[in-house]
Amino acid sequence: MLSSHTPVATLPTKDLAKARNFYEETLGLTASREDIGGVAYTCGSGQLFVYESAYAGTNQATSVTFDMSDPSEFDGEVADLRAKGIEFLEFEGPYGVEWNDGVASMVGMGRAVWFTDLDGNILNLAAREQ
């Protein structure tokens, strides 16, 4: 069954060299595997695969969520992303969302931020309440 396999988030890019710089230098990920036309990054128990495609940036919804296992690290991760020039998105969301400088607080759920990569793919960092 599919439930016994680890999924790999797959993101398209128009320029793999620029995308690698963003994911490696800005987000601090380390390439774990290179394939023809793409590169994989191990993130926790999953992977992120970035590959060249003419359709990069066409998705208007969240493409990848980095689910924080330790919510106490959320503020530090957000500060680090800001220091690297990442700007957070704000949008109308479900009921109970309060925004404060790009950080969404959701009653009973936790906090989250959304941002884009160089191709416009929407990424999310989420810290769930324990």
Foldseek 3Di string as FASTA:
>chain_A
DCVVDADEQEAEDQDAVLLCCCCCVLVNFDFPDDDVQWTWTDQPPYIYIYGYDPCGQVDPDAREEREDPDLVCVVVSVVSNVVSPWQWDDDDDDPQWDDDRQWTQHVQFFIKTWTAGPRNHIYMYTYGDD
